[in-house]
């Protein structure tokens, strides 16, 4: 699999998710989390923007360095969402859903990054 192909596939899924979170945050949360309490819409949009920008960077410059950076960013996001789930139990489902997506994203970035 080429780096460009991996970047395109990531962008289609994760960039699309980020764009949807920006445009339709309530719909995304309801689709992914069911009837869980809705986190603040501005927060969903900020996280969607982060995801979209990250995937645009990966798409623009697919390299080992960029993919490792994307994986590290996703790991930090996943950890922060687990912490958020502990601090704000009413948002546990959305936070853990976000952590799960970030963990999958980190894994896909790490797998796509070529070895040295």
PDB file of N, CA and C in Angstrom:
ATOM      1  N   UNK A   1       0.845  -1.168   0.000  1.00  0.00           N
ATOM      2  CA  UNK A   1       0.000   0.000   0.000  1.00  0.00           C
ATOM      3  C   UNK A   1       0.896   1.238   0.000  1.00  0.00           C
ATOM      4  N   UNK A   2       0.617   2.155  -0.916  1.00  0.00           N
ATOM      5  CA  UNK A   2       1.413   3.378  -0.991  1.00  0.00           C
ATOM      6  C   UNK A   2       1.002   4.346   0.120  1.00  0.00           C
ATOM      7  N   UNK A   3       1.921   5.230   0.451  1.00  0.00           N
ATOM      8  CA  UNK A   3       1.604   6.254   1.448  1.00  0.00           C
ATOM      9  C   UNK A   3       0.464   7.143   0.961  1.00  0.00           C
ATOM     10  N   UNK A   4       0.477   7.476  -0.313  1.00  0.00           N
ATOM     11  CA  UNK A   4      -0.573   8.318  -0.879  1.00  0.00           C
ATOM     12  C   UNK A   4      -1.925   7.622  -0.784  1.00  0.00           C
ATOM     13  N   UNK A   5      -1.956   6.320  -1.100  1.00  0.00           N
ATOM     14  CA  UNK A   5      -3.204   5.562  -1.002  1.00  0.00           C
ATOM     15  C   UNK A   5      -3.708   5.487   0.432  1.00  0.00           C
ATOM     16  N   UNK A   6      -2.795   5.264   1.362  1.00  0.00           N
ATOM     17  CA  UNK A   6      -3.180   5.224   2.780  1.00  0.00           C
ATOM     18  C   UNK A   6      -3.722   6.574   3.222  1.00  0.00           C
ATOM     19  N   UNK A   7      -3.079   7.660   2.785  1.00  0.00           N
ATOM     20  CA  UNK A   7      -3.529   8.999   3.151  1.00  0.00           C
ATOM     21  C   UNK A   7      -4.919   9.278   2.577  1.00  0.00           C
ATOM     22  N   UNK A   8      -5.166   8.847   1.351  1.00  0.00           N
ATOM     23  CA  UNK A   8      -6.487   9.049   0.741  1.00  0.00           C
ATOM     24  C   UNK A   8      -7.569   8.273   1.480  1.00  0.00           C
ATOM     25  N   UNK A   9      -7.272   7.038   1.845  1.00  0.00           N
ATOM     26  CA  UNK A   9      -8.257   6.237   2.586  1.00  0.00           C
ATOM     27  C   UNK A   9      -8.532   6.845   3.963  1.00  0.00           C
ATOM     28  N   UNK A  10      -7.472   7.277   4.635  1.00  0.00           N
ATOM     29  CA  UNK A  10      -7.655   7.927   5.940  1.00  0.00           C
ATOM     30  C   UNK A  10      -8.505   9.180   5.793  1.00  0.00           C
ATOM     31  N   UNK A  11      -8.198   9.979   4.764  1.00  0.00           N
ATOM     32  CA  UNK A  11      -8.942  11.215   4.583  1.00  0.00           C
ATOM     33  C   UNK A  11     -10.417  10.931   4.302  1.00  0.00           C
ATOM     34  N   UNK A  12     -10.685   9.929   3.492  1.00  0.00           N
ATOM     35  CA  UNK A  12     -12.078   9.602   3.166  1.00  0.00           C
ATOM     36  C   UNK A  12     -12.875   9.277   4.421  1.00  0.00           C
ATOM     37  N   UNK A  13     -12.272   8.533   5.342  1.00  0.00           N
ATOM     38  CA  UNK A  13     -12.985   8.123   6.554  1.00  0.00           C
ATOM     39  C   UNK A  13     -12.867   9.183   7.651  1.00  0.00           C
ATOM     40  N   UNK A  14     -11.654   9.498   8.046  1.00  0.00           N
ATOM     41  CA  UNK A  14     -11.442  10.367   9.204  1.00  0.00           C
ATOM     42  C   UNK A  14     -11.629  11.842   8.869  1.00  0.00           C
ATOM     43  N   UNK A  15     -11.212  12.253   7.694  1.00  0.00           N
ATOM     44  CA  UNK A  15     -11.478  13.622   7.273  1.00  0.00           C
ATOM     45  C   UNK A  15     -12.971  13.846   7.097  1.00  0.00           C
ATOM     46  N   UNK A  16     -13.648  12.834   6.547  1.00  0.00           N
ATOM     47  CA  UNK A  16     -15.100  12.915   6.406  1.00  0.00           C
ATOM     48  C   UNK A  16     -15.793  13.012   7.753  1.00  0.00           C
ATOM     49  N   UNK A  17     -15.320  12.241   8.713  1.00  0.00           N
ATOM     50  CA  UNK A  17     -15.883  12.314  10.064  1.00  0.00           C
ATOM     51  C   UNK A  17     -15.677  13.702  10.660  1.00  0.00           C
ATOM     52  N   UNK A  18     -14.476  14.243  10.514  1.00  0.00           N
ATOM     53  CA  UNK A  18     -14.199  15.587  11.025  1.00  0.00           C
ATOM     54  C   UNK A  18     -15.097  16.631  10.376  1.00  0.00           C
ATOM     55  N   UNK A  19     -15.273  16.537   9.061  1.00  0.00           N
ATOM     56  CA  UNK A  19     -16.149  17.486   8.355  1.00  0.00           C
ATOM     57  C   UNK A  19     -17.586  17.349   8.840  1.00  0.00           C
ATOM     58  N   UNK A  20     -18.041  16.121   9.038  1.00  0.00           N
ATOM     59  CA  UNK A  20     -19.405  15.903   9.536  1.00  0.00           C
ATOM     60  C   UNK A  20     -19.569  16.466  10.942  1.00  0.00           C
ATOM     61  N   UNK A  21     -18.538  16.312  11.774  1.00  0.00           N
ATOM     62  CA  UNK A  21     -18.609  16.855  13.135  1.00  0.00           C
ATOM     63  C   UNK A  21     -18.694  18.386  13.111  1.00  0.00           C
ATOM     64  N   UNK A  22     -18.049  18.998  12.135  1.00  0.00           N
ATOM     65  CA  UNK A  22     -18.133  20.450  11.989  1.00  0.00           C
ATOM     66  C   UNK A  22     -19.515  20.883  11.501  1.00  0.00           C
ATOM     67  N   UNK A  23     -20.023  20.177  10.504  1.00  0.00           N
ATOM     68  CA  UNK A  23     -21.264  20.590   9.855  1.00  0.00           C
ATOM     69  C   UNK A  23     -22.523  20.151  10.595  1.00  0.00           C
ATOM     70  N   UNK A  24     -22.505  18.934  11.136  1.00  0.00           N
ATOM     71  CA  UNK A  24     -23.706  18.360  11.765  1.00  0.00           C
ATOM     72  C   UNK A  24     -23.353  17.692  13.083  1.00  0.00           C
ATOM     73  N   UNK A  25     -22.842  18.444  14.057  1.00  0.00           N
ATOM     74  CA  UNK A  25     -22.343  17.837  15.292  1.00  0.00           C
ATOM     75  C   UNK A  25     -23.389  17.017  16.047  1.00  0.00           C
ATOM     76  N   UNK A  26     -24.602  17.503  16.117  1.00  0.00           N
ATOM     77  CA  UNK A  26     -25.640  16.765  16.850  1.00  0.00           C
ATOM     78  C   UNK A  26     -25.947  15.431  16.174  1.00  0.00           C
ATOM     79  N   UNK A  27     -26.039  15.455  14.851  1.00  0.00           N
ATOM     80  CA  UNK A  27     -26.330  14.219  14.124  1.00  0.00           C
ATOM     81  C   UNK A  27     -25.215  13.187  14.306  1.00  0.00           C
ATOM     82  N   UNK A  28     -23.969  13.644  14.278  1.00  0.00           N
ATOM     83  CA  UNK A  28     -22.842  12.719  14.449  1.00  0.00           C
ATOM     84  C   UNK A  28     -22.880  12.094  15.838  1.00  0.00           C
ATOM     85  N   UNK A  29     -23.076  12.913  16.859  1.00  0.00           N
ATOM     86  CA  UNK A  29     -23.114  12.382  18.229  1.00  0.00           C
ATOM     87  C   UNK A  29     -24.272  11.405  18.380  1.00  0.00           C
ATOM     88  N   UNK A  30     -25.433  11.748  17.871  1.00  0.00           N
ATOM     89  CA  UNK A  30     -26.595  10.843  17.988  1.00  0.00           C
ATOM     90  C   UNK A  30     -26.351   9.534  17.245  1.00  0.00           C
ATOM     91  N   UNK A  31     -25.751   9.618  16.064  1.00  0.00           N
ATOM     92  CA  UNK A  31     -25.483   8.409  15.276  1.00  0.00           C
ATOM     93  C   UNK A  31     -24.472   7.508  15.975  1.00  0.00           C
ATOM     94  N   UNK A  32     -23.439   8.106  16.539  1.00  0.00           N
ATOM     95  CA  UNK A  32     -22.362   7.318  17.141  1.00  0.00           C
ATOM     96  C   UNK A  32     -22.617   6.939  18.594  1.00  0.00           C
ATOM     97  N   UNK A  33     -23.450   7.722  19.291  1.00  0.00           N
ATOM     98  CA  UNK A  33     -23.603   7.521  20.734  1.00  0.00           C
ATOM     99  C   UNK A  33     -25.040   7.286  21.179  1.00  0.00           C
ATOM    100  N   UNK A  34     -25.969   7.238  20.245  1.00  0.00           N
ATOM    101  CA  UNK A  34     -27.354   6.986  20.608  1.00  0.00           C
ATOM    102  C   UNK A  34     -27.933   8.087  21.465  1.00  0.00           C
ATOM    103  N   UNK A  35     -28.572   7.691  22.545  1.00  0.00           N
ATOM    104  CA  UNK A  35     -29.273   8.659  23.395  1.00  0.00           C
ATOM    105  C   UNK A  35     -28.415   9.201  24.536  1.00  0.00           C
ATOM    106  N   UNK A  36     -27.105   9.071  24.425  1.00  0.00           N
ATOM    107  CA  UNK A  36     -26.206   9.609  25.452  1.00  0.00           C
ATOM    108  C   UNK A  36     -26.351  11.131  25.514  1.00  0.00           C
ATOM    109  N   UNK A  37     -26.057  11.727  26.669  1.00  0.00           N
ATOM    110  CA  UNK A  37     -26.110  13.188  26.764  1.00  0.00           C
ATOM    111  C   UNK A  37     -25.203  13.839  25.719  1.00  0.00           C
ATOM    112  N   UNK A  38     -25.685  14.923  25.167  1.00  0.00           N
ATOM    113  CA  UNK A  38     -24.960  15.650  24.122  1.00  0.00           C
ATOM    114  C   UNK A  38     -23.891  16.545  24.744  1.00  0.00           C
ATOM    115  N   UNK A  39     -22.619  16.327  24.379  1.00  0.00           N
ATOM    116  CA  UNK A  39     -21.592  17.270  24.848  1.00  0.00           C
ATOM    117  C   UNK A  39     -21.833  18.631  24.190  1.00  0.00           C
ATOM    118  N   UNK A  40     -21.212  19.687  24.700  1.00  0.00           N
ATOM    119  CA  UNK A  40     -21.393  21.000  24.086  1.00  0.00           C
ATOM    120  C   UNK A  40     -21.044  20.963  22.591  1.00  0.00           C
ATOM    121  N   UNK A  41     -21.925  21.529  21.779  1.00  0.00           N
ATOM    122  CA  UNK A  41     -21.754  21.506  20.324  1.00  0.00           C
ATOM    123  C   UNK A  41     -20.425  22.135  19.919  1.00  0.00           C
ATOM    124  N   UNK A  42     -20.023  23.201  20.582  1.00  0.00           N
ATOM    125  CA  UNK A  42     -18.763  23.850  20.233  1.00  0.00           C
ATOM    126  C   UNK A  42     -17.593  22.882  20.426  1.00  0.00           C
ATOM    127  N   UNK A  43     -17.644  22.053  21.443  1.00  0.00           N
ATOM    128  CA  UNK A  43     -16.593  21.067  21.677  1.00  0.00           C
ATOM    129  C   UNK A  43     -16.552  20.033  20.553  1.00  0.00           C
ATOM    130  N   UNK A  44     -17.705  19.551  20.133  1.00  0.00           N
ATOM    131  CA  UNK A  44     -17.768  18.583  19.034  1.00  0.00           C
ATOM    132  C   UNK A  44     -17.187  19.211  17.765  1.00  0.00           C
ATOM    133  N   UNK A  45     -17.528  20.467  17.524  1.00  0.00           N
ATOM    134  CA  UNK A  45     -17.008  21.143  16.331  1.00  0.00           C
ATOM    135  C   UNK A  45     -15.492  21.347  16.405  1.00  0.00           C
ATOM    136  N   UNK A  46     -14.984  21.719  17.568  1.00  0.00           N
ATOM    137  CA  UNK A  46     -13.530  21.902  17.720  1.00  0.00           C
ATOM    138  C   UNK A  46     -12.808  20.578  17.473  1.00  0.00           C
ATOM    139  N   UNK A  47     -13.333  19.489  18.031  1.00  0.00           N
ATOM    140  CA  UNK A  47     -12.693  18.183  17.814  1.00  0.00           C
ATOM    141  C   UNK A  47     -12.812  17.753  16.354  1.00  0.00           C
ATOM    142  N   UNK A  48     -13.923  18.092  15.712  1.00  0.00           N
ATOM    143  CA  UNK A  48     -14.071  17.803  14.282  1.00  0.00           C
ATOM    144  C   UNK A  48     -13.067  18.585  13.454  1.00  0.00           C
ATOM    145  N   UNK A  49     -12.863  19.847  13.802  1.00  0.00           N
ATOM    146  CA  UNK A  49     -11.876  20.672  13.088  1.00  0.00           C
ATOM    147  C   UNK A  49     -10.476  20.099  13.264  1.00  0.00           C
ATOM    148  N   UNK A  50     -10.154  19.663  14.484  1.00  0.00           N
ATOM    149  CA  UNK A  50      -8.838  19.055  14.721  1.00  0.00           C
ATOM    150  C   UNK A  50      -8.645  17.830  13.849  1.00  0.00           C
ATOM    151  N   UNK A  51      -9.664  16.992  13.783  1.00  0.00           N
ATOM    152  CA  UNK A  51      -9.573  15.774  12.983  1.00  0.00           C
ATOM    153  C   UNK A  51      -9.413  16.108  11.496  1.00  0.00           C
ATOM    154  N   UNK A  52     -10.210  17.045  11.008  1.00  0.00           N
ATOM    155  CA  UNK A  52     -10.143  17.425   9.600  1.00  0.00           C
ATOM    156  C   UNK A  52      -8.784  18.022   9.249  1.00  0.00           C
ATOM    157  N   UNK A  53      -8.288  18.936  10.062  1.00  0.00           N
ATOM    158  CA  UNK A  53      -6.975  19.547   9.797  1.00  0.00           C
ATOM    159  C   UNK A  53      -5.876  18.493   9.830  1.00  0.00           C
ATOM    160  N   UNK A  54      -5.934  17.599  10.803  1.00  0.00           N
ATOM    161  CA  UNK A  54      -4.925  16.535  10.892  1.00  0.00           C
ATOM    162  C   UNK A  54      -4.915  15.703   9.618  1.00  0.00           C
ATOM    163  N   UNK A  55      -6.078  15.335   9.128  1.00  0.00           N
ATOM    164  CA  UNK A  55      -6.134  14.495   7.929  1.00  0.00           C
ATOM    165  C   UNK A  55      -5.742  15.269   6.674  1.00  0.00           C
ATOM    166  N   UNK A  56      -6.002  16.575   6.640  1.00  0.00           N
ATOM    167  CA  UNK A  56      -5.522  17.393   5.516  1.00  0.00           C
ATOM    168  C   UNK A  56      -3.999  17.430   5.498  1.00  0.00           C
ATOM    169  N   UNK A  57      -3.383  17.528   6.676  1.00  0.00           N
ATOM    170  CA  UNK A  57      -1.912  17.518   6.757  1.00  0.00           C
ATOM    171  C   UNK A  57      -1.369  16.173   6.285  1.00  0.00           C
ATOM    172  N   UNK A  58      -1.985  15.078   6.731  1.00  0.00           N
ATOM    173  CA  UNK A  58      -1.544  13.740   6.300  1.00  0.00           C
ATOM    174  C   UNK A  58      -1.700  13.609   4.790  1.00  0.00           C
ATOM    175  N   UNK A  59      -2.802  14.098   4.243  1.00  0.00           N
ATOM    176  CA  UNK A  59      -3.042  14.013   2.806  1.00  0.00           C
ATOM    177  C   UNK A  59      -2.048  14.866   2.022  1.00  0.00           C
ATOM    178  N   UNK A  60      -1.739  16.045   2.536  1.00  0.00           N
ATOM    179  CA  UNK A  60      -0.833  16.963   1.839  1.00  0.00           C
ATOM    180  C   UNK A  60       0.619  16.495   1.864  1.00  0.00           C
ATOM    181  N   UNK A  61       1.026  15.836   2.929  1.00  0.00           N
ATOM    182  CA  UNK A  61       2.434  15.450   3.082  1.00  0.00           C
ATOM    183  C   UNK A  61       2.543  14.067   3.718  1.00  0.00           C
ATOM    184  N   UNK A  62       2.094  13.023   3.006  1.00  0.00           N
ATOM    185  CA  UNK A  62       2.144  11.685   3.608  1.00  0.00           C
ATOM    186  C   UNK A  62       3.579  11.170   3.720  1.00  0.00           C
ATOM    187  N   UNK A  63       4.110  11.230   4.910  1.00  0.00           N
ATOM    188  CA  UNK A  63       5.474  10.754   5.168  1.00  0.00           C
ATOM    189  C   UNK A  63       5.482  10.047   6.517  1.00  0.00           C
ATOM    190  N   UNK A  64       6.551   9.351   6.780  1.00  0.00           N
ATOM    191  CA  UNK A  64       6.683   8.677   8.067  1.00  0.00           C
ATOM    192  C   UNK A  64       6.541   9.679   9.214  1.00  0.00           C
ATOM    193  N   UNK A  65       7.227  10.792   9.114  1.00  0.00           N
ATOM    194  CA  UNK A  65       7.200  11.803  10.180  1.00  0.00           C
ATOM    195  C   UNK A  65       5.774  12.308  10.432  1.00  0.00           C
ATOM    196  N   UNK A  66       5.046  12.601   9.370  1.00  0.00           N
ATOM    197  CA  UNK A  66       3.681  13.120   9.509  1.00  0.00           C
ATOM    198  C   UNK A  66       2.762  12.040  10.080  1.00  0.00           C
ATOM    199  N   UNK A  67       2.884  10.810   9.610  1.00  0.00           N
ATOM    200  CA  UNK A  67       2.034   9.730  10.114  1.00  0.00           C
ATOM    201  C   UNK A  67       2.329   9.416  11.581  1.00  0.00           C
ATOM    202  N   UNK A  68       3.587   9.439  11.966  1.00  0.00           N
ATOM    203  CA  UNK A  68       3.934   9.216  13.373  1.00  0.00           C
ATOM    204  C   UNK A  68       3.390  10.368  14.222  1.00  0.00           C
ATOM    205  N   UNK A  69       3.473  11.584  13.717  1.00  0.00           N
ATOM    206  CA  UNK A  69       2.895  12.721  14.429  1.00  0.00           C
ATOM    207  C   UNK A  69       1.386  12.601  14.574  1.00  0.00           C
ATOM    208  N   UNK A  70       0.725  12.144  13.508  1.00  0.00           N
ATOM    209  CA  UNK A  70      -0.729  11.936  13.568  1.00  0.00           C
ATOM    210  C   UNK A  70      -1.068  10.859  14.592  1.00  0.00           C
ATOM    211  N   UNK A  71      -0.292   9.784  14.607  1.00  0.00           N
ATOM    212  CA  UNK A  71      -0.533   8.704  15.574  1.00  0.00           C
ATOM    213  C   UNK A  71      -0.345   9.214  17.003  1.00  0.00           C
ATOM    214  N   UNK A  72       0.698   9.989  17.224  1.00  0.00           N
ATOM    215  CA  UNK A  72       0.950  10.531  18.569  1.00  0.00           C
ATOM    216  C   UNK A  72      -0.175  11.476  18.992  1.00  0.00           C
ATOM    217  N   UNK A  73      -0.637  12.305  18.078  1.00  0.00           N
ATOM    218  CA  UNK A  73      -1.742  13.219  18.373  1.00  0.00           C
ATOM    219  C   UNK A  73      -2.991  12.435  18.750  1.00  0.00           C
ATOM    220  N   UNK A  74      -3.263  11.368  18.000  1.00  0.00           N
ATOM    221  CA  UNK A  74      -4.445  10.551  18.291  1.00  0.00           C
ATOM    222  C   UNK A  74      -4.331   9.827  19.624  1.00  0.00           C
ATOM    223  N   UNK A  75      -3.140   9.355  19.964  1.00  0.00           N
ATOM    224  CA  UNK A  75      -2.954   8.703  21.262  1.00  0.00           C
ATOM    225  C   UNK A  75      -3.210   9.707  22.391  1.00  0.00           C
ATOM    226  N   UNK A  76      -2.685  10.928  22.244  1.00  0.00           N
ATOM    227  CA  UNK A  76      -2.923  11.949  23.272  1.00  0.00           C
ATOM    228  C   UNK A  76      -4.410  12.282  23.366  1.00  0.00           C
ATOM    229  N   UNK A  77      -5.076  12.344  22.228  1.00  0.00           N
ATOM    230  CA  UNK A  77      -6.512  12.615  22.243  1.00  0.00           C
ATOM    231  C   UNK A  77      -7.259  11.489  22.949  1.00  0.00           C
ATOM    232  N   UNK A  78      -6.905  10.239  22.632  1.00  0.00           N
ATOM    233  CA  UNK A  78      -7.575   9.099  23.265  1.00  0.00           C
ATOM    234  C   UNK A  78      -7.403   9.145  24.783  1.00  0.00           C
ATOM    235  N   UNK A  79      -6.198   9.419  25.237  1.00  0.00           N
ATOM    236  CA  UNK A  79      -5.936   9.496  26.681  1.00  0.00           C
ATOM    237  C   UNK A  79      -6.752  10.628  27.310  1.00  0.00           C
ATOM    238  N   UNK A  80      -6.817  11.764  26.621  1.00  0.00           N
ATOM    239  CA  UNK A  80      -7.580  12.888  27.176  1.00  0.00           C
ATOM    240  C   UNK A  80      -9.072  12.568  27.237  1.00  0.00           C
ATOM    241  N   UNK A  81      -9.570  11.778  26.296  1.00  0.00           N
ATOM    242  CA  UNK A  81     -10.989  11.415  26.314  1.00  0.00           C
ATOM    243  C   UNK A  81     -11.299  10.402  27.421  1.00  0.00           C
ATOM    244  N   UNK A  82     -10.366   9.516  27.710  1.00  0.00           N
ATOM    245  CA  UNK A  82     -10.556   8.610  28.850  1.00  0.00           C
ATOM    246  C   UNK A  82     -10.594   9.431  30.139  1.00  0.00           C
ATOM    247  N   UNK A  83      -9.698  10.409  30.250  1.00  0.00           N
ATOM    248  CA  UNK A  83      -9.708  11.288  31.426  1.00  0.00           C
ATOM    249  C   UNK A  83     -11.022  12.068  31.502  1.00  0.00           C
ATOM    250  N   UNK A  84     -11.501  12.551  30.358  1.00  0.00           N
ATOM    251  CA  UNK A  84     -12.773  13.285  30.336  1.00  0.00           C
ATOM    252  C   UNK A  84     -13.924  12.399  30.794  1.00  0.00           C
ATOM    253  N   UNK A  85     -13.896  11.134  30.393  1.00  0.00           N
ATOM    254  CA  UNK A  85     -14.948  10.199  30.807  1.00  0.00           C
ATOM    255  C   UNK A  85     -14.950  10.000  32.316  1.00  0.00           C
ATOM    256  N   UNK A  86     -13.779  10.048  32.920  1.00  0.00           N
ATOM    257  CA  UNK A  86     -13.690   9.900  34.373  1.00  0.00           C
ATOM    258  C   UNK A  86     -14.119  11.172  35.102  1.00  0.00           C
ATOM    259  N   UNK A  87     -13.760  12.323  34.538  1.00  0.00           N
ATOM    260  CA  UNK A  87     -14.071  13.606  35.185  1.00  0.00           C
ATOM    261  C   UNK A  87     -15.534  13.982  34.990  1.00  0.00           C
ATOM    262  N   UNK A  88     -16.076  13.716  33.806  1.00  0.00           N
ATOM    263  CA  UNK A  88     -17.464  14.061  33.479  1.00  0.00           C
ATOM    264  C   UNK A  88     -18.226  12.797  33.099  1.00  0.00           C
ATOM    265  N   UNK A  89     -18.642  12.013  34.079  1.00  0.00           N
ATOM    266  CA  UNK A  89     -19.283  10.729  33.787  1.00  0.00           C
ATOM    267  C   UNK A  89     -20.558  10.859  32.939  1.00  0.00           C
ATOM    268  N   UNK A  90     -21.208  12.017  32.969  1.00  0.00           N
ATOM    269  CA  UNK A  90     -22.412  12.175  32.151  1.00  0.00           C
ATOM    270  C   UNK A  90     -22.081  12.140  30.649  1.00  0.00           C
ATOM    271  N   UNK A  91     -20.843  12.416  30.295  1.00  0.00           N
ATOM    272  CA  UNK A  91     -20.410  12.369  28.890  1.00  0.00           C
ATOM    273  C   UNK A  91     -19.525  11.152  28.610  1.00  0.00           C
ATOM    274  N   UNK A  92     -19.666  10.134  29.436  1.00  0.00           N
ATOM    275  CA  UNK A  92     -18.802   8.971  29.307  1.00  0.00           C
ATOM    276  C   UNK A  92     -18.893   8.324  27.930  1.00  0.00           C
ATOM    277  N   UNK A  93     -20.108   8.076  27.452  1.00  0.00           N
ATOM    278  CA  UNK A  93     -20.241   7.392  26.158  1.00  0.00           C
ATOM    279  C   UNK A  93     -19.628   8.194  25.016  1.00  0.00           C
ATOM    280  N   UNK A  94     -19.949   9.493  24.864  1.00  0.00           N
ATOM    281  CA  UNK A  94     -19.295  10.246  23.785  1.00  0.00           C
ATOM    282  C   UNK A  94     -17.768  10.310  23.943  1.00  0.00           C
ATOM    283  N   UNK A  95     -17.295  10.463  25.171  1.00  0.00           N
ATOM    284  CA  UNK A  95     -15.848  10.541  25.384  1.00  0.00           C
ATOM    285  C   UNK A  95     -15.160   9.230  25.025  1.00  0.00           C
ATOM    286  N   UNK A  96     -15.741   8.116  25.449  1.00  0.00           N
ATOM    287  CA  UNK A  96     -15.120   6.821  25.140  1.00  0.00           C
ATOM    288  C   UNK A  96     -15.273   6.454  23.670  1.00  0.00           C
ATOM    289  N   UNK A  97     -16.342   6.909  23.035  1.00  0.00           N
ATOM    290  CA  UNK A  97     -16.480   6.710  21.586  1.00  0.00           C
ATOM    291  C   UNK A  97     -15.382   7.479  20.856  1.00  0.00           C
ATOM    292  N   UNK A  98     -15.148   8.719  21.281  1.00  0.00           N
ATOM    293  CA  UNK A  98     -14.089   9.520  20.687  1.00  0.00           C
ATOM    294  C   UNK A  98     -12.719   8.886  20.936  1.00  0.00           C
ATOM    295  N   UNK A  99     -12.516   8.355  22.127  1.00  0.00           N
ATOM    296  CA  UNK A  99     -11.249   7.672  22.432  1.00  0.00           C
ATOM    297  C   UNK A  99     -11.065   6.449  21.547  1.00  0.00           C
ATOM    298  N   UNK A 100     -12.134   5.718  21.299  1.00  0.00           N
ATOM    299  CA  UNK A 100     -12.056   4.526  20.439  1.00  0.00           C
ATOM    300  C   UNK A 100     -11.700   4.896  19.007  1.00  0.00           C
ATOM    301  N   UNK A 101     -12.344   5.939  18.479  1.00  0.00           N
ATOM    302  CA  UNK A 101     -12.033   6.389  17.117  1.00  0.00           C
ATOM    303  C   UNK A 101     -10.573   6.842  17.046  1.00  0.00           C
ATOM    304  N   UNK A 102     -10.122   7.587  18.039  1.00  0.00           N
ATOM    305  CA  UNK A 102      -8.736   8.064  18.050  1.00  0.00           C
ATOM    306  C   UNK A 102      -7.746   6.907  18.140  1.00  0.00           C
ATOM    307  N   UNK A 103      -8.089   5.884  18.900  1.00  0.00           N
ATOM    308  CA  UNK A 103      -7.207   4.721  19.008  1.00  0.00           C
ATOM    309  C   UNK A 103      -7.101   4.003  17.657  1.00  0.00           C
ATOM    310  N   UNK A 104      -8.225   3.839  16.991  1.00  0.00           N
ATOM    311  CA  UNK A 104      -8.204   3.233  15.653  1.00  0.00           C
ATOM    312  C   UNK A 104      -7.428   4.077  14.665  1.00  0.00           C
ATOM    313  N   UNK A 105      -7.593   5.384  14.753  1.00  0.00           N
ATOM    314  CA  UNK A 105      -6.865   6.295  13.872  1.00  0.00           C
ATOM    315  C   UNK A 105      -5.360   6.216  14.131  1.00  0.00           C
ATOM    316  N   UNK A 106      -4.986   6.167  15.399  1.00  0.00           N
ATOM    317  CA  UNK A 106      -3.559   6.043  15.738  1.00  0.00           C
ATOM    318  C   UNK A 106      -2.987   4.747  15.189  1.00  0.00           C
ATOM    319  N   UNK A 107      -3.755   3.676  15.330  1.00  0.00           N
ATOM    320  CA  UNK A 107      -3.292   2.389  14.803  1.00  0.00           C
ATOM    321  C   UNK A 107      -3.133   2.410  13.299  1.00  0.00           C
ATOM    322  N   UNK A 108      -4.072   3.036  12.607  1.00  0.00           N
ATOM    323  CA  UNK A 108      -3.965   3.073  11.139  1.00  0.00           C
ATOM    324  C   UNK A 108      -2.796   3.952  10.692  1.00  0.00           C
ATOM    325  N   UNK A 109      -2.536   5.035  11.413  1.00  0.00           N
ATOM    326  CA  UNK A 109      -1.398   5.884  11.077  1.00  0.00           C
ATOM    327  C   UNK A 109      -0.085   5.147  11.324  1.00  0.00           C
ATOM    328  N   UNK A 110       0.004   4.458  12.448  1.00  0.00           N
ATOM    329  CA  UNK A 110       1.229   3.717  12.763  1.00  0.00           C
ATOM    330  C   UNK A 110       1.466   2.589  11.753  1.00  0.00           C
ATOM    331  N   UNK A 111       0.385   1.924  11.365  1.00  0.00           N
ATOM    332  CA  UNK A 111       0.518   0.824  10.398  1.00  0.00           C
ATOM    333  C   UNK A 111       0.926   1.340   9.013  1.00  0.00           C
ATOM    334  N   UNK A 112       0.469   2.534   8.648  1.00  0.00           N
ATOM    335  CA  UNK A 112       0.775   3.080   7.328  1.00  0.00           C
ATOM    336  C   UNK A 112       2.165   3.698   7.266  1.00  0.00           C
ATOM    337  N   UNK A 113       2.723   4.077   8.418  1.00  0.00           N
ATOM    338  CA  UNK A 113       4.036   4.723   8.435  1.00  0.00           C
ATOM    339  C   UNK A 113       5.113   3.719   8.032  1.00  0.00           C
ATOM    340  N   UNK A 114       5.890   4.041   7.023  1.00  0.00           N
ATOM    341  CA  UNK A 114       6.939   3.095   6.605  1.00  0.00           C
ATOM    342  C   UNK A 114       8.011   2.967   7.683  1.00  0.00           C
ATOM    343  N   UNK A 115       8.591   1.788   7.759  1.00  0.00           N
ATOM    344  CA  UNK A 115       9.686   1.609   8.720  1.00  0.00           C
ATOM    345  C   UNK A 115      10.910   2.341   8.201  1.00  0.00           C
ATOM    346  N   UNK A 116      11.805   2.625   9.101  1.00  0.00           N
ATOM    347  CA  UNK A 116      13.003   3.395   8.721  1.00  0.00           C
ATOM    348  C   UNK A 116      13.857   2.634   7.836  1.00  0.00           C
TER     349      UNK A 116
END
